[in-house]
Amino acid sequence: MKIALVTACLAGVAHSKMAAMALKKEAKKRGHEIVVEEQGGHKIPIKLSQDQIDGADVVIIAKMVKIAGQSRFEGKPVLDVSVNKAVRNPSSIMDQAEELLN
């Protein structure tokens, strides 16, 4: 499975990065490909390309605040979760993402 992940918290420093790390680790453990865009602090240092979005089977949005550019994911299965849940229980988030495709 190919996953596009967007994380967003107020500052974009701690929670976004922790959620991204936890979900990347879980995705790789399961043999999934994952690309990440971290948002926060009014910055998007690395933005997902349209090719990455088009190639994704599912989009996971782990957020504490509204993300920028959500309309880019129209037509894709989107799992919207809290950053805190992604940090605490990434295996549950990955289970839910896999279920979206079944």
C-alpha atoms as a PDB file:
ATOM      1  CA  MET A   1       0.000   0.000   0.000  1.00  0.00           C
ATOM      2  CA  LYS A   2       1.161   3.526  -0.759  1.00  0.00           C
ATOM      3  CA  ILE A   3       0.344   6.141   1.855  1.00  0.00           C
ATOM      4  CA  ALA A   4       0.430   9.933   1.701  1.00  0.00           C
ATOM      5  CA  LEU A   5       0.655  11.321   5.245  1.00  0.00           C
ATOM      6  CA  VAL A   6       0.069  14.913   6.305  1.00  0.00           C
ATOM      7  CA  THR A   7       0.756  15.876   9.905  1.00  0.00           C
ATOM      8  CA  ALA A   8      -0.150  19.247  11.386  1.00  0.00           C
ATOM      9  CA  CYS A   9       0.120  20.800  14.799  1.00  0.00           C
ATOM     10  CA  LEU A  10       0.201  24.403  15.956  1.00  0.00           C
ATOM     11  CA  ALA A  11       3.963  24.893  15.865  1.00  0.00           C
ATOM     12  CA  GLY A  12       4.876  21.997  13.561  1.00  0.00           C
ATOM     13  CA  VAL A  13       7.792  21.113  15.783  1.00  0.00           C
ATOM     14  CA  ALA A  14       7.110  18.297  18.218  1.00  0.00           C
ATOM     15  CA  HIS A  15       3.742  16.608  17.730  1.00  0.00           C
ATOM     16  CA  SER A  16       3.806  16.638  13.919  1.00  0.00           C
ATOM     17  CA  LYS A  17       7.268  15.120  13.842  1.00  0.00           C
ATOM     18  CA  MET A  18       6.471  12.495  16.481  1.00  0.00           C
ATOM     19  CA  ALA A  19       3.307  11.447  14.614  1.00  0.00           C
ATOM     20  CA  ALA A  20       5.197  11.268  11.328  1.00  0.00           C
ATOM     21  CA  MET A  21       7.967   9.166  12.869  1.00  0.00           C
ATOM     22  CA  ALA A  22       5.534   6.770  14.559  1.00  0.00           C
ATOM     23  CA  LEU A  23       3.438   6.247  11.420  1.00  0.00           C
ATOM     24  CA  LYS A  24       6.486   5.902   9.158  1.00  0.00           C
ATOM     25  CA  LYS A  25       7.902   3.233  11.441  1.00  0.00           C
ATOM     26  CA  GLU A  26       4.601   1.323  11.515  1.00  0.00           C
ATOM     27  CA  ALA A  27       4.114   1.606   7.745  1.00  0.00           C
ATOM     28  CA  LYS A  28       7.610   0.311   7.007  1.00  0.00           C
ATOM     29  CA  LYS A  29       7.129  -2.539   9.487  1.00  0.00           C
ATOM     30  CA  ARG A  30       4.093  -3.604   7.448  1.00  0.00           C
ATOM     31  CA  GLY A  31       5.849  -3.231   4.102  1.00  0.00           C
ATOM     32  CA  HIS A  32       3.948  -0.086   3.036  1.00  0.00           C
ATOM     33  CA  GLU A  33       5.433   2.901   1.239  1.00  0.00           C
ATOM     34  CA  ILE A  34       4.838   6.265   2.904  1.00  0.00           C
ATOM     35  CA  VAL A  35       5.561   9.879   1.980  1.00  0.00           C
ATOM     36  CA  VAL A  36       5.150  12.668   4.522  1.00  0.00           C
ATOM     37  CA  GLU A  37       4.239  16.336   4.551  1.00  0.00           C
ATOM     38  CA  GLU A  38       4.605  18.091   7.918  1.00  0.00           C
ATOM     39  CA  GLN A  39       2.674  21.307   8.467  1.00  0.00           C
ATOM     40  CA  GLY A  40       2.606  23.782  11.331  1.00  0.00           C
ATOM     41  CA  GLY A  41       3.852  27.163  12.347  1.00  0.00           C
ATOM     42  CA  HIS A  42       2.463  28.507   9.048  1.00  0.00           C
ATOM     43  CA  LYS A  43       5.135  26.610   7.130  1.00  0.00           C
ATOM     44  CA  ILE A  44       5.120  23.564   4.893  1.00  0.00           C
ATOM     45  CA  PRO A  45       8.831  22.668   4.604  1.00  0.00           C
ATOM     46  CA  ILE A  46       8.275  19.636   2.384  1.00  0.00           C
ATOM     47  CA  LYS A  47       5.098  19.520   0.325  1.00  0.00           C
ATOM     48  CA  LEU A  48       3.727  16.339  -1.232  1.00  0.00           C
ATOM     49  CA  SER A  49       3.968  16.424  -5.013  1.00  0.00           C
ATOM     50  CA  GLN A  50       0.914  15.824  -7.155  1.00  0.00           C
ATOM     51  CA  ASP A  51       2.556  12.595  -8.377  1.00  0.00           C
ATOM     52  CA  GLN A  52       2.926  11.379  -4.772  1.00  0.00           C
ATOM     53  CA  ILE A  53      -0.715  12.190  -4.075  1.00  0.00           C
ATOM     54  CA  ASP A  54      -1.906  10.552  -7.300  1.00  0.00           C
ATOM     55  CA  GLY A  55       0.137   7.424  -6.528  1.00  0.00           C
ATOM     56  CA  ALA A  56      -1.174   7.075  -2.973  1.00  0.00           C
ATOM     57  CA  ASP A  57      -3.752   4.413  -2.206  1.00  0.00           C
ATOM     58  CA  VAL A  58      -4.811   6.224   0.957  1.00  0.00           C
ATOM     59  CA  VAL A  59      -4.204   9.588   2.622  1.00  0.00           C
ATOM     60  CA  ILE A  60      -3.756   9.861   6.385  1.00  0.00           C
ATOM     61  CA  ILE A  61      -4.199  13.298   7.926  1.00  0.00           C
ATOM     62  CA  ALA A  62      -2.983  13.445  11.527  1.00  0.00           C
ATOM     63  CA  LYS A  63      -3.744  16.900  12.839  1.00  0.00           C
ATOM     64  CA  MET A  64      -4.354  19.202  15.763  1.00  0.00           C
ATOM     65  CA  VAL A  65      -5.142  22.165  13.509  1.00  0.00           C
ATOM     66  CA  LYS A  66      -6.704  22.545  10.081  1.00  0.00           C
ATOM     67  CA  ILE A  67      -4.326  21.563   7.275  1.00  0.00           C
ATOM     68  CA  ALA A  68      -3.557  23.648   4.226  1.00  0.00           C
ATOM     69  CA  GLY A  69      -4.520  22.279   0.835  1.00  0.00           C
ATOM     70  CA  GLN A  70      -6.921  19.514   1.837  1.00  0.00           C
ATOM     71  CA  SER A  71      -8.738  19.803  -1.509  1.00  0.00           C
ATOM     72  CA  ARG A  72      -5.675  18.158  -3.146  1.00  0.00           C
ATOM     73  CA  PHE A  73      -6.907  14.814  -1.789  1.00  0.00           C
ATOM     74  CA  GLU A  74     -10.387  14.815  -3.371  1.00  0.00           C
ATOM     75  CA  GLY A  75     -11.254  11.390  -4.722  1.00  0.00           C
ATOM     76  CA  LYS A  76      -8.794   9.611  -2.415  1.00  0.00           C
ATOM     77  CA  PRO A  77      -9.732   7.591   0.659  1.00  0.00           C
ATOM     78  CA  VAL A  78      -8.830   9.902   3.570  1.00  0.00           C
ATOM     79  CA  LEU A  79      -8.358   8.899   7.191  1.00  0.00           C
ATOM     80  CA  ASP A  80      -8.572  11.944   9.457  1.00  0.00           C
ATOM     81  CA  VAL A  81      -7.146  11.375  12.970  1.00  0.00           C
ATOM     82  CA  SER A  82      -5.661  13.349  15.834  1.00  0.00           C
ATOM     83  CA  VAL A  83      -1.913  13.775  16.068  1.00  0.00           C
ATOM     84  CA  ASN A  84      -2.018  12.488  19.644  1.00  0.00           C
ATOM     85  CA  LYS A  85      -3.698   9.229  18.608  1.00  0.00           C
ATOM     86  CA  ALA A  86      -1.123   8.773  15.842  1.00  0.00           C
ATOM     87  CA  VAL A  87       1.707   9.199  18.349  1.00  0.00           C
ATOM     88  CA  ARG A  88       0.175   6.895  20.979  1.00  0.00           C
ATOM     89  CA  ASN A  89      -1.256   4.163  18.760  1.00  0.00           C
ATOM     90  CA  PRO A  90       0.164   4.125  15.231  1.00  0.00           C
ATOM     91  CA  SER A  91      -0.760   0.459  14.732  1.00  0.00           C
ATOM     92  CA  SER A  92      -4.451   1.317  15.194  1.00  0.00           C
ATOM     93  CA  ILE A  93      -4.177   4.135  12.655  1.00  0.00           C
ATOM     94  CA  MET A  94      -2.481   1.803  10.170  1.00  0.00           C
ATOM     95  CA  ASP A  95      -5.206  -0.822  10.738  1.00  0.00           C
ATOM     96  CA  GLN A  96      -7.849   1.800   9.930  1.00  0.00           C
ATOM     97  CA  ALA A  97      -5.996   2.896   6.791  1.00  0.00           C
ATOM     98  CA  GLU A  98      -5.792  -0.709   5.600  1.00  0.00           C
ATOM     99  CA  GLU A  99      -9.516  -1.187   6.262  1.00  0.00           C
ATOM    100  CA  LEU A 100     -10.332   1.778   4.025  1.00  0.00           C
ATOM    101  CA  LEU A 101      -9.028  -0.233   1.086  1.00  0.00           C
ATOM    102  CA  ASN A 102     -10.955  -3.429   1.851  1.00  0.00           C
END
